[in-house]
Amino acid sequence: MQSLSSASVCVTELPGAPNPSPRAKKAQDEEADIAGREYLSPSKLREVSGCCDLSQLARLELQVDSSETSLGNFGQYLPRLHELRLVHSVLGCVRDLGTSLHGLRVLWLSHCCLRDLDGLGSLSLLQELYLAFNEVSDISLVTLLSSLQVLDLESNCVHEEDQLGYLGLCPSLHTLTLAGNPLTTSLKHQHVRPPPSNATTHSLAPGGGGGLQGLCHGCSPSAEGARRRGHCHSNCTSTCHAPFAGTAKRAGHTH
């Protein structure tokens, strides 16, 4: 029976006190780590919004590119945010916004290269959703938004008539825009099925009036510009919201 060879062990004594106490991580170090992982760190949000107290921020407007940088769960820093404008950003899907925007009521995602509404369910209190000029074809996930009142899908890729059935499952929906979708072309010379009884559909067929671009009901397609200027066209049948002031707004205080 062969004997096992003994393994040699070399022990080196290190200079200094043994088992040194680890240095506690400082708050600024933690924020630096966050900034390295996420584009929308607290310091970045303060910079773009001009608001030192993020807990008071109610409205925010910015442009982001989720294909290059991570947005993280930036909503956790903005507990009172109720309106978010990300027009002309780059987003793969709604999930890129994270899952912490629980109090959001109004979301603008026009011109965002958006193809997928995955993640929409985390915005359970959403009342107004603006998705104009994207590449969305499946709108079934809007059924998760029981509080949704306004839906703008102008110039997307909705082409199946069955998609309209999902809108009937949104009990609060009263304003819809579908102009510029393939579906409207196919229905132009056909009998158009009535929309859900609880919804007012604007511009269902190409060339129809009343395209919804802003927060106006019954306005022309230039309503978004009118909204930004603070007034509507003479044929507007409801009151416009106040124009968006700057890039951010605290609750009750305009920057």
Protein backbone atom coordinates (compact mmCIF):
# COMPACT_ATOMS: atom_id res chain seq x y z
CA MET A 1 0.00 0.00 0.00
CA GLN A 2 1.48 3.29 -1.07
CA SER A 3 1.87 6.05 1.47
CA LEU A 4 0.27 9.41 0.78
CA SER A 5 2.69 12.26 0.30
CA SER A 6 2.36 15.11 2.74
CA ALA A 7 1.22 18.46 1.36
CA SER A 8 3.40 21.39 2.28
CA VAL A 9 1.77 24.50 3.64
CA CYS A 10 3.46 27.90 3.66
CA VAL A 11 2.18 30.49 6.13
CA THR A 12 3.14 34.12 5.67
CA GLU A 13 2.60 36.60 8.47
CA LEU A 14 1.26 39.92 7.23
CA PRO A 15 2.48 43.14 8.80
CA GLY A 16 0.09 45.27 10.83
CA ALA A 17 -2.83 44.43 13.08
CA PRO A 18 -4.68 41.22 12.22
CA ASN A 19 -8.36 41.22 11.22
CA PRO A 20 -8.69 44.95 10.59
CA SER A 21 -12.17 46.45 10.93
CA PRO A 22 -13.74 47.12 7.51
CA ARG A 23 -14.45 50.75 6.65
CA ALA A 24 -18.16 51.58 6.62
CA LYS A 25 -19.40 52.73 3.24
CA LYS A 26 -20.31 56.40 3.22
CA ALA A 27 -23.48 57.79 1.67
CA GLN A 28 -21.52 59.51 -1.11
CA ASP A 29 -19.82 56.22 -1.95
CA GLU A 30 -23.19 54.49 -2.23
CA GLU A 31 -24.48 57.19 -4.56
CA ALA A 32 -21.32 56.91 -6.65
CA ASP A 33 -21.98 53.17 -7.00
CA ILE A 34 -25.56 53.89 -8.07
CA ALA A 35 -24.38 56.46 -10.61
CA GLY A 36 -22.03 53.86 -12.07
CA ARG A 37 -24.88 51.37 -12.55
CA GLU A 38 -27.76 53.66 -13.45
CA TYR A 39 -28.06 56.68 -15.68
CA LEU A 40 -30.90 58.14 -13.64
CA SER A 41 -29.18 58.27 -10.27
CA PRO A 42 -30.50 60.70 -7.63
CA SER A 43 -27.78 63.24 -8.48
CA LYS A 44 -28.61 63.02 -12.19
CA LEU A 45 -32.32 63.48 -11.49
CA ARG A 46 -31.57 66.58 -9.41
CA GLU A 47 -29.45 67.93 -12.24
CA VAL A 48 -31.99 67.45 -15.03
CA SER A 49 -34.98 68.54 -12.96
CA GLY A 50 -33.40 71.44 -11.08
CA CYS A 51 -35.15 70.15 -7.97
CA CYS A 52 -33.11 69.45 -4.86
CA ASP A 53 -35.90 67.63 -3.05
CA LEU A 54 -36.86 64.75 -5.32
CA SER A 55 -39.61 63.68 -2.95
CA GLN A 56 -41.56 66.80 -3.99
CA LEU A 57 -41.14 66.42 -7.75
CA ALA A 58 -44.54 66.06 -9.46
CA ARG A 59 -43.68 66.44 -13.18
CA LEU A 60 -40.56 65.50 -15.10
CA GLU A 61 -39.48 65.81 -18.74
CA LEU A 62 -36.31 64.30 -20.17
CA GLN A 63 -34.87 62.21 -22.99
CA VAL A 64 -33.21 58.86 -22.36
CA ASP A 65 -31.79 55.96 -24.39
CA SER A 66 -32.33 52.65 -22.63
CA SER A 67 -30.34 50.80 -25.32
CA GLU A 68 -27.15 52.41 -24.05
CA THR A 69 -27.75 53.08 -20.36
CA SER A 70 -29.83 51.54 -17.60
CA LEU A 71 -32.64 53.60 -16.17
CA GLY A 72 -32.92 51.42 -13.08
CA ASN A 73 -35.87 51.84 -10.74
CA PHE A 74 -35.58 55.63 -10.73
CA GLY A 75 -39.21 55.91 -9.64
CA GLN A 76 -38.17 54.99 -6.11
CA TYR A 77 -36.58 58.44 -5.80
CA LEU A 78 -39.76 60.20 -7.04
CA PRO A 79 -42.64 59.13 -4.79
CA ARG A 80 -44.90 62.06 -5.83
CA LEU A 81 -44.26 61.96 -9.57
CA HIS A 82 -47.59 61.91 -11.46
CA GLU A 83 -46.61 63.11 -14.97
CA LEU A 84 -43.62 61.87 -16.97
CA ARG A 85 -42.68 63.05 -20.49
CA LEU A 86 -40.09 61.00 -22.38
CA VAL A 87 -40.87 62.22 -25.91
CA HIS A 88 -38.13 61.40 -28.47
CA SER A 89 -36.43 58.94 -26.13
CA VAL A 90 -35.37 55.38 -27.09
CA LEU A 91 -37.16 52.59 -25.22
CA GLY A 92 -37.44 48.91 -26.06
CA CYS A 93 -40.51 48.39 -23.92
CA VAL A 94 -42.36 50.00 -21.02
CA ARG A 95 -40.50 47.73 -18.61
CA ASP A 96 -37.37 49.80 -19.29
CA LEU A 97 -38.92 52.42 -16.97
CA GLY A 98 -38.67 50.08 -13.99
CA THR A 99 -41.42 49.03 -11.63
CA SER A 100 -41.42 51.90 -9.11
CA LEU A 101 -43.60 54.52 -10.84
CA HIS A 102 -46.63 53.49 -8.82
CA GLY A 103 -48.22 56.94 -8.57
CA LEU A 104 -47.89 57.94 -12.24
CA ARG A 105 -51.09 59.32 -13.79
CA VAL A 106 -49.89 60.72 -17.14
CA LEU A 107 -47.20 59.18 -19.38
CA TRP A 108 -45.92 60.60 -22.69
CA LEU A 109 -43.94 58.12 -24.83
CA SER A 110 -44.40 59.63 -28.30
CA HIS A 111 -41.57 59.05 -30.81
CA CYS A 112 -39.77 56.53 -28.56
CA CYS A 113 -39.14 53.63 -30.99
CA LEU A 114 -41.45 51.62 -28.72
CA ARG A 115 -42.56 48.19 -29.93
CA ASP A 116 -43.70 46.40 -26.80
CA LEU A 117 -46.02 47.42 -23.94
CA ASP A 118 -44.57 44.78 -21.61
CA GLY A 119 -44.36 46.23 -18.10
CA LEU A 120 -47.45 48.40 -18.46
CA GLY A 121 -49.16 46.57 -15.62
CA SER A 122 -46.88 48.19 -13.03
CA LEU A 123 -48.49 51.58 -13.84
CA SER A 124 -51.82 50.63 -12.30
CA LEU A 125 -52.98 54.22 -11.62
CA LEU A 126 -52.26 55.52 -15.13
CA GLN A 127 -55.07 57.68 -16.55
CA GLU A 128 -53.54 59.12 -19.74
CA LEU A 129 -51.16 57.30 -22.07
CA TYR A 130 -49.66 58.95 -25.17
CA LEU A 131 -47.95 56.47 -27.53
CA ALA A 132 -48.12 58.32 -30.86
CA PHE A 133 -45.54 57.57 -33.57
CA ASN A 134 -44.18 54.28 -32.29
CA GLU A 135 -44.27 50.67 -33.58
CA VAL A 136 -46.81 49.11 -31.22
CA SER A 137 -49.00 46.39 -32.76
CA ASP A 138 -50.35 44.55 -29.69
CA ILE A 139 -52.42 46.68 -27.31
CA SER A 140 -53.82 43.84 -25.19
CA LEU A 141 -51.90 44.97 -22.09
CA VAL A 142 -53.94 48.17 -21.83
CA THR A 143 -56.60 45.97 -20.24
CA LEU A 144 -54.44 46.04 -17.09
CA LEU A 145 -55.11 49.77 -16.70
CA SER A 146 -58.52 50.02 -15.10
CA SER A 147 -58.16 53.80 -14.60
CA LEU A 148 -57.12 54.59 -18.19
CA GLN A 149 -59.18 57.46 -19.64
CA VAL A 150 -57.14 58.72 -22.62
CA LEU A 151 -55.20 56.55 -25.08
CA ASP A 152 -53.30 58.00 -28.04
CA LEU A 153 -52.09 55.36 -30.51
CA GLU A 154 -51.71 57.59 -33.56
CA SER A 155 -49.31 56.29 -36.25
CA ASN A 156 -48.45 52.92 -34.74
CA CYS A 157 -48.65 49.41 -36.24
CA VAL A 158 -52.06 48.20 -35.07
CA HIS A 159 -53.44 46.21 -38.00
CA GLU A 160 -55.72 43.51 -36.53
CA GLU A 161 -59.35 44.48 -36.02
CA ASP A 162 -59.53 42.11 -33.04
CA GLN A 163 -57.27 44.52 -31.15
CA LEU A 164 -60.23 46.89 -30.78
CA GLY A 165 -61.93 44.35 -28.55
CA TYR A 166 -59.37 44.92 -25.80
CA LEU A 167 -60.45 48.54 -25.54
CA GLY A 168 -63.87 47.46 -24.36
CA LEU A 169 -62.20 46.02 -21.26
CA CYS A 170 -61.00 49.45 -20.15
CA PRO A 171 -63.98 50.69 -18.07
CA SER A 172 -62.81 54.31 -17.78
CA LEU A 173 -61.61 54.88 -21.37
CA HIS A 174 -63.39 57.81 -23.04
CA THR A 175 -60.89 59.18 -25.60
CA LEU A 176 -59.02 57.13 -28.20
CA THR A 177 -56.88 57.94 -31.24
CA LEU A 178 -56.06 55.34 -33.91
CA ALA A 179 -55.32 57.55 -36.93
CA GLY A 180 -52.33 56.47 -38.99
CA ASN A 181 -52.50 52.76 -38.10
CA PRO A 182 -52.77 50.04 -40.79
CA LEU A 183 -56.11 49.10 -39.23
CA THR A 184 -57.64 52.43 -40.20
CA THR A 185 -56.64 51.92 -43.83
CA SER A 186 -58.34 48.53 -44.01
CA LEU A 187 -61.50 49.93 -42.43
CA LYS A 188 -61.66 53.07 -44.53
CA HIS A 189 -64.08 51.65 -47.10
CA GLN A 190 -65.71 49.09 -44.82
CA HIS A 191 -68.42 49.25 -42.24
CA VAL A 192 -66.55 50.20 -39.07
CA ARG A 193 -67.60 48.29 -36.00
CA PRO A 194 -68.79 50.70 -33.28
CA PRO A 195 -66.17 51.41 -30.63
CA PRO A 196 -66.80 50.47 -27.00
CA SER A 197 -69.83 52.35 -25.71
CA ASN A 198 -67.72 54.01 -23.04
CA ALA A 199 -65.20 55.47 -25.49
CA THR A 200 -65.16 58.45 -27.83
CA THR A 201 -63.04 57.49 -30.84
CA HIS A 202 -61.30 60.26 -32.75
CA SER A 203 -59.84 59.80 -36.23
CA LEU A 204 -60.62 56.12 -36.58
CA ALA A 205 -60.44 56.42 -40.36
CA PRO A 206 -57.60 58.19 -42.20
CA GLY A 207 -58.32 61.83 -42.83
CA GLY A 208 -60.84 62.03 -40.01
CA GLY A 209 -60.88 65.08 -37.82
CA GLY A 210 -60.12 65.34 -34.15
CA GLY A 211 -56.72 63.66 -33.90
CA LEU A 212 -55.69 63.53 -30.26
CA GLN A 213 -52.21 64.88 -29.70
CA GLY A 214 -52.53 66.63 -26.38
CA LEU A 215 -55.07 66.74 -23.59
CA CYS A 216 -57.88 68.20 -25.70
CA HIS A 217 -61.03 66.42 -26.81
CA GLY A 218 -62.21 67.20 -30.31
CA CYS A 219 -59.14 69.20 -31.34
CA SER A 220 -57.31 68.97 -34.65
CA PRO A 221 -54.01 66.99 -34.94
CA SER A 222 -52.09 70.09 -33.88
CA ALA A 223 -53.59 69.94 -30.40
CA GLU A 224 -50.27 69.08 -28.79
CA GLY A 225 -48.74 72.30 -30.04
CA ALA A 226 -51.78 74.20 -28.81
CA ARG A 227 -51.44 72.52 -25.45
CA ARG A 228 -47.85 73.65 -25.16
CA ARG A 229 -48.91 77.20 -26.00
CA GLY A 230 -51.64 77.00 -23.36
CA HIS A 231 -54.69 77.26 -25.61
CA CYS A 232 -56.84 75.16 -27.93
CA HIS A 233 -58.51 75.62 -31.25
CA SER A 234 -61.95 77.16 -31.26
CA ASN A 235 -63.59 73.79 -31.86
CA CYS A 236 -62.14 72.23 -28.72
CA THR A 237 -64.99 70.87 -26.62
CA SER A 238 -63.14 70.61 -23.33
CA THR A 239 -60.65 72.55 -21.30
CA CYS A 240 -56.94 72.09 -21.92
CA HIS A 241 -54.62 71.34 -19.07
CA ALA A 242 -52.02 73.96 -18.17
CA PRO A 243 -48.98 73.96 -20.48
CA PHE A 244 -45.96 72.00 -19.32
CA ALA A 245 -43.62 74.42 -17.56
CA GLY A 246 -39.91 73.77 -18.02
CA THR A 247 -38.51 70.32 -17.45
CA ALA A 248 -39.83 69.69 -13.97
CA LYS A 249 -42.38 70.91 -11.50
CA ARG A 250 -42.69 70.45 -7.75
CA ALA A 251 -46.08 69.84 -6.28
CA GLY A 252 -47.61 73.29 -6.22
CA HIS A 253 -44.44 75.10 -7.36
CA THR A 254 -43.28 75.74 -10.91
CA HIS A 255 -39.58 76.02 -11.55
